[in-house]
Amino acid sequence: MIFLKDPGLIPVTELQRLADNNAIAKNLRDVFPHPYSMDDAHQFITFARNGVFGHTFGIFDEQTFIGAGSIVPQHDIHKNNGEIGYWIGEEYWGRGFAGRAVELLTTYAFNELKLLRIFAGVFATNVASMKVLEKSGYTLEAVLKSSIVKNGEILDECIYSILKQ
């Protein structure tokens, strides 16, 4: 069973081990370091606990840390929106954990934060994440052509969203 837990409960050595993986880093913004050091892991937990990344959680399968996720509320005229982000350690891929984490984060955003719309920006090459979002009720809203540069490659960004019912 998947749980969202306080980022202070994330075991720093396991965070560093799972996050230090190019298969994860290649699908995330450049602010996610690669290689991922112990210092990066400590800094992430500190920042997450202080709200720097919005509402951030460790994703756990029972007591096992398997990834991280967040909801970042937007501001000003976009204050009813939140951006969802998540990653799951590669050894846990293909077991439905990402989908369950997305559902829990979305429920949290709607029920606790009282947001009306949640969105995600996905690199066009990250088909697995698109499938996770679609299975979780998100729909493709837009494709922003050539809007991302990752590792020197120009990519499209797919914007997915879900509205509170």
C-alpha atoms as a PDB file:
ATOM      1  CA  MET A   1       0.000   0.000   0.000  1.00  0.00           C
ATOM      2  CA  ILE A   2       1.309   3.430  -0.982  1.00  0.00           C
ATOM      3  CA  PHE A   3       1.531   6.288   1.515  1.00  0.00           C
ATOM      4  CA  LEU A   4       2.589   9.932   1.347  1.00  0.00           C
ATOM      5  CA  LYS A   5       4.740  10.768   4.355  1.00  0.00           C
ATOM      6  CA  ASP A   6       6.540  13.763   5.802  1.00  0.00           C
ATOM      7  CA  PRO A   7       9.821  14.329   3.934  1.00  0.00           C
ATOM      8  CA  GLY A   8      11.635  14.252   7.275  1.00  0.00           C
ATOM      9  CA  LEU A   9      10.940  10.502   7.346  1.00  0.00           C
ATOM     10  CA  ILE A  10      12.811   9.883   4.095  1.00  0.00           C
ATOM     11  CA  PRO A  11      15.979   7.867   4.777  1.00  0.00           C
ATOM     12  CA  VAL A  12      18.714  10.061   3.333  1.00  0.00           C
ATOM     13  CA  THR A  13      20.903   7.168   2.162  1.00  0.00           C
ATOM     14  CA  GLU A  14      17.985   5.559   0.314  1.00  0.00           C
ATOM     15  CA  LEU A  15      17.016   8.914  -1.216  1.00  0.00           C
ATOM     16  CA  GLN A  16      20.550   9.360  -2.521  1.00  0.00           C
ATOM     17  CA  ARG A  17      20.719   5.785  -3.831  1.00  0.00           C
ATOM     18  CA  LEU A  18      17.405   5.928  -5.708  1.00  0.00           C
ATOM     19  CA  ALA A  19      17.799   9.506  -6.984  1.00  0.00           C
ATOM     20  CA  ASP A  20      21.321   8.961  -8.320  1.00  0.00           C
ATOM     21  CA  ASN A  21      19.979   7.471 -11.529  1.00  0.00           C
ATOM     22  CA  ASN A  22      20.110   8.979 -15.003  1.00  0.00           C
ATOM     23  CA  ALA A  23      16.858   7.220 -15.961  1.00  0.00           C
ATOM     24  CA  ILE A  24      15.125   9.445 -13.398  1.00  0.00           C
ATOM     25  CA  ALA A  25      17.138  12.637 -13.886  1.00  0.00           C
ATOM     26  CA  LYS A  26      16.616  12.661 -17.677  1.00  0.00           C
ATOM     27  CA  ASN A  27      12.866  13.204 -17.177  1.00  0.00           C
ATOM     28  CA  LEU A  28      13.094  15.921 -14.529  1.00  0.00           C
ATOM     29  CA  ARG A  29      14.006  19.593 -14.555  1.00  0.00           C
ATOM     30  CA  ASP A  30      17.654  20.537 -14.318  1.00  0.00           C
ATOM     31  CA  VAL A  31      17.193  21.603 -10.690  1.00  0.00           C
ATOM     32  CA  PHE A  32      17.218  17.834  -9.961  1.00  0.00           C
ATOM     33  CA  PRO A  33      20.954  17.138  -9.805  1.00  0.00           C
ATOM     34  CA  HIS A  34      22.757  14.335 -11.570  1.00  0.00           C
ATOM     35  CA  PRO A  35      24.849  12.782 -10.238  1.00  0.00           C
ATOM     36  CA  TYR A  36      22.891  12.958  -6.975  1.00  0.00           C
ATOM     37  CA  SER A  37      25.156  13.199  -3.919  1.00  0.00           C
ATOM     38  CA  MET A  38      24.551  12.741  -0.198  1.00  0.00           C
ATOM     39  CA  ASP A  39      24.768  16.535   0.116  1.00  0.00           C
ATOM     40  CA  ASP A  40      21.999  16.817  -2.501  1.00  0.00           C
ATOM     41  CA  ALA A  41      19.863  14.360  -0.506  1.00  0.00           C
ATOM     42  CA  HIS A  42      20.363  16.270   2.761  1.00  0.00           C
ATOM     43  CA  GLN A  43      19.593  19.571   1.006  1.00  0.00           C
ATOM     44  CA  PHE A  44      16.438  18.131  -0.594  1.00  0.00           C
ATOM     45  CA  ILE A  45      15.078  16.970   2.756  1.00  0.00           C
ATOM     46  CA  THR A  46      15.843  20.339   4.370  1.00  0.00           C
ATOM     47  CA  PHE A  47      14.229  22.271   1.526  1.00  0.00           C
ATOM     48  CA  ALA A  48      11.234  19.915   1.384  1.00  0.00           C
ATOM     49  CA  ARG A  49      10.611  20.237   5.117  1.00  0.00           C
ATOM     50  CA  ASN A  50      10.762  24.036   4.801  1.00  0.00           C
ATOM     51  CA  GLY A  51       8.256  24.178   1.928  1.00  0.00           C
ATOM     52  CA  VAL A  52      10.727  25.335  -0.716  1.00  0.00           C
ATOM     53  CA  PHE A  53       9.271  22.812  -3.186  1.00  0.00           C
ATOM     54  CA  GLY A  54       5.644  23.366  -2.197  1.00  0.00           C
ATOM     55  CA  HIS A  55       3.901  20.514  -0.386  1.00  0.00           C
ATOM     56  CA  THR A  56       6.444  17.709  -0.682  1.00  0.00           C
ATOM     57  CA  PHE A  57       6.136  14.108   0.452  1.00  0.00           C
ATOM     58  CA  GLY A  58       8.128  10.934   0.539  1.00  0.00           C
ATOM     59  CA  ILE A  59       6.347   8.160  -1.321  1.00  0.00           C
ATOM     60  CA  PHE A  60       6.433   4.914   0.641  1.00  0.00           C
ATOM     61  CA  ASP A  61       5.328   1.355  -0.072  1.00  0.00           C
ATOM     62  CA  GLU A  62       4.387   0.459   3.506  1.00  0.00           C
ATOM     63  CA  GLN A  63       7.649   1.395   5.297  1.00  0.00           C
ATOM     64  CA  THR A  64       9.895   1.369   2.202  1.00  0.00           C
ATOM     65  CA  PHE A  65      10.841   4.705   0.645  1.00  0.00           C
ATOM     66  CA  ILE A  66      10.314   4.481  -3.126  1.00  0.00           C
ATOM     67  CA  GLY A  67      10.181   8.086  -4.405  1.00  0.00           C
ATOM     68  CA  ALA A  68       9.031  11.639  -3.861  1.00  0.00           C
ATOM     69  CA  GLY A  69       6.157  13.829  -4.967  1.00  0.00           C
ATOM     70  CA  SER A  70       4.853  17.334  -4.542  1.00  0.00           C
ATOM     71  CA  ILE A  71       2.083  19.792  -5.209  1.00  0.00           C
ATOM     72  CA  VAL A  72       3.197  23.357  -5.848  1.00  0.00           C
ATOM     73  CA  PRO A  73       0.313  25.811  -5.447  1.00  0.00           C
ATOM     74  CA  GLN A  74       0.416  28.642  -7.957  1.00  0.00           C
ATOM     75  CA  HIS A  75      -0.025  32.334  -7.187  1.00  0.00           C
ATOM     76  CA  ASP A  76      -1.848  35.487  -8.209  1.00  0.00           C
ATOM     77  CA  ILE A  77      -4.474  34.856 -10.890  1.00  0.00           C
ATOM     78  CA  HIS A  78      -3.481  31.162 -11.013  1.00  0.00           C
ATOM     79  CA  LYS A  79      -4.068  30.613  -7.284  1.00  0.00           C
ATOM     80  CA  ASN A  80      -6.630  27.827  -7.894  1.00  0.00           C
ATOM     81  CA  ASN A  81      -3.980  25.760  -9.699  1.00  0.00           C
ATOM     82  CA  GLY A  82      -1.277  23.444  -8.463  1.00  0.00           C
ATOM     83  CA  GLU A  83       1.570  21.725 -10.270  1.00  0.00           C
ATOM     84  CA  ILE A  84       2.114  18.055  -9.510  1.00  0.00           C
ATOM     85  CA  GLY A  85       5.534  16.455  -9.694  1.00  0.00           C
ATOM     86  CA  TYR A  86       6.737  12.981  -8.782  1.00  0.00           C
ATOM     87  CA  TRP A  87       9.403  10.381  -9.340  1.00  0.00           C
ATOM     88  CA  ILE A  88       9.662   6.715  -8.394  1.00  0.00           C
ATOM     89  CA  GLY A  89      12.919   4.798  -8.003  1.00  0.00           C
ATOM     90  CA  GLU A  90      13.615   2.719 -11.105  1.00  0.00           C
ATOM     91  CA  GLU A  91      13.571  -0.597  -9.252  1.00  0.00           C
ATOM     92  CA  TYR A  92       9.928   0.118  -8.342  1.00  0.00           C
ATOM     93  CA  TRP A  93       8.723   0.940 -11.869  1.00  0.00           C
ATOM     94  CA  GLY A  94       5.951  -1.076 -13.476  1.00  0.00           C
ATOM     95  CA  ARG A  95       4.080  -1.908 -10.259  1.00  0.00           C
ATOM     96  CA  GLY A  96       1.438   0.846 -10.314  1.00  0.00           C
ATOM     97  CA  PHE A  97       3.138   2.867  -7.568  1.00  0.00           C
ATOM     98  CA  ALA A  98       3.375   6.078  -9.617  1.00  0.00           C
ATOM     99  CA  GLY A  99      -0.328   5.973 -10.461  1.00  0.00           C
ATOM    100  CA  ARG A 100      -1.316   5.489  -6.843  1.00  0.00           C
ATOM    101  CA  ALA A 101       1.038   8.309  -5.766  1.00  0.00           C
ATOM    102  CA  VAL A 102      -0.496  10.640  -8.380  1.00  0.00           C
ATOM    103  CA  GLU A 103      -3.974   9.800  -7.108  1.00  0.00           C
ATOM    104  CA  LEU A 104      -2.955  10.498  -3.490  1.00  0.00           C
ATOM    105  CA  LEU A 105      -1.235  13.778  -4.394  1.00  0.00           C
ATOM    106  CA  THR A 106      -4.239  14.869  -6.472  1.00  0.00           C
ATOM    107  CA  THR A 107      -6.665  14.057  -3.661  1.00  0.00           C
ATOM    108  CA  TYR A 108      -4.481  16.006  -1.232  1.00  0.00           C
ATOM    109  CA  ALA A 109      -4.413  19.004  -3.595  1.00  0.00           C
ATOM    110  CA  PHE A 110      -8.190  19.042  -4.015  1.00  0.00           C
ATOM    111  CA  ASN A 111      -9.228  18.205  -0.464  1.00  0.00           C
ATOM    112  CA  GLU A 112      -6.543  19.779   1.713  1.00  0.00           C
ATOM    113  CA  LEU A 113      -5.300  22.667  -0.421  1.00  0.00           C
ATOM    114  CA  LYS A 114      -8.742  23.347  -1.951  1.00  0.00           C
ATOM    115  CA  LEU A 115      -7.265  23.707  -5.440  1.00  0.00           C
ATOM    116  CA  LEU A 116      -9.533  23.435  -8.490  1.00  0.00           C
ATOM    117  CA  ARG A 117      -7.027  22.391 -11.173  1.00  0.00           C
ATOM    118  CA  ILE A 118      -3.873  20.304 -11.038  1.00  0.00           C
ATOM    119  CA  PHE A 119      -1.434  20.216 -13.936  1.00  0.00           C
ATOM    120  CA  ALA A 120       1.780  18.488 -14.914  1.00  0.00           C
ATOM    121  CA  GLY A 121       4.359  19.303 -17.554  1.00  0.00           C
ATOM    122  CA  VAL A 122       5.786  16.119 -19.084  1.00  0.00           C
ATOM    123  CA  PHE A 123       8.693  15.818 -21.498  1.00  0.00           C
ATOM    124  CA  ALA A 124       7.343  14.443 -24.798  1.00  0.00           C
ATOM    125  CA  THR A 125       9.824  11.561 -24.532  1.00  0.00           C
ATOM    126  CA  ASN A 126       8.395  10.426 -21.159  1.00  0.00           C
ATOM    127  CA  VAL A 127       5.581   8.221 -22.432  1.00  0.00           C
ATOM    128  CA  ALA A 128       5.397   6.229 -19.179  1.00  0.00           C
ATOM    129  CA  SER A 129       4.560   9.345 -17.164  1.00  0.00           C
ATOM    130  CA  MET A 130       1.914  10.350 -19.700  1.00  0.00           C
ATOM    131  CA  LYS A 131       0.281   6.935 -19.274  1.00  0.00           C
ATOM    132  CA  VAL A 132       0.381   7.298 -15.470  1.00  0.00           C
ATOM    133  CA  LEU A 133      -1.378  10.656 -15.661  1.00  0.00           C
ATOM    134  CA  GLU A 134      -3.967   9.449 -18.178  1.00  0.00           C
ATOM    135  CA  LYS A 135      -4.794   6.388 -16.045  1.00  0.00           C
ATOM    136  CA  SER A 136      -5.198   8.771 -13.083  1.00  0.00           C
ATOM    137  CA  GLY A 137      -7.820  10.858 -14.907  1.00  0.00           C
ATOM    138  CA  TYR A 138      -5.607  13.621 -16.309  1.00  0.00           C
ATOM    139  CA  THR A 139      -6.128  14.782 -19.884  1.00  0.00           C
ATOM    140  CA  LEU A 140      -3.716  16.259 -22.398  1.00  0.00           C
ATOM    141  CA  GLU A 141      -4.384  19.995 -22.581  1.00  0.00           C
ATOM    142  CA  ALA A 142      -1.589  21.242 -24.803  1.00  0.00           C
ATOM    143  CA  VAL A 143       1.702  20.428 -26.426  1.00  0.00           C
ATOM    144  CA  LEU A 144       4.220  23.248 -26.128  1.00  0.00           C
ATOM    145  CA  LYS A 145       6.457  22.797 -29.145  1.00  0.00           C
ATOM    146  CA  SER A 146      10.241  23.000 -28.638  1.00  0.00           C
ATOM    147  CA  SER A 147       9.764  24.508 -25.176  1.00  0.00           C
ATOM    148  CA  ILE A 148      12.325  22.389 -23.287  1.00  0.00           C
ATOM    149  CA  VAL A 149      16.055  21.978 -23.580  1.00  0.00           C
ATOM    150  CA  LYS A 150      17.276  18.931 -21.662  1.00  0.00           C
ATOM    151  CA  ASN A 151      20.831  17.656 -22.008  1.00  0.00           C
ATOM    152  CA  GLY A 152      21.211  19.726 -25.169  1.00  0.00           C
ATOM    153  CA  GLU A 153      18.118  18.208 -26.808  1.00  0.00           C
ATOM    154  CA  ILE A 154      15.123  20.365 -27.739  1.00  0.00           C
ATOM    155  CA  LEU A 155      11.872  18.699 -26.656  1.00  0.00           C
ATOM    156  CA  ASP A 156       8.155  19.370 -26.659  1.00  0.00           C
ATOM    157  CA  GLU A 157       6.357  19.637 -23.311  1.00  0.00           C
ATOM    158  CA  CYS A 158       2.982  17.964 -22.856  1.00  0.00           C
ATOM    159  CA  ILE A 159       0.676  19.690 -20.374  1.00  0.00           C
ATOM    160  CA  TYR A 160      -1.753  17.405 -18.590  1.00  0.00           C
ATOM    161  CA  SER A 161      -4.455  18.540 -16.174  1.00  0.00           C
ATOM    162  CA  ILE A 162      -7.352  17.414 -14.059  1.00  0.00           C
ATOM    163  CA  LEU A 163     -10.189  19.520 -12.674  1.00  0.00           C
ATOM    164  CA  LYS A 164     -11.901  19.062  -9.337  1.00  0.00           C
ATOM    165  CA  GLN A 165     -15.290  17.498  -9.922  1.00  0.00           C
END
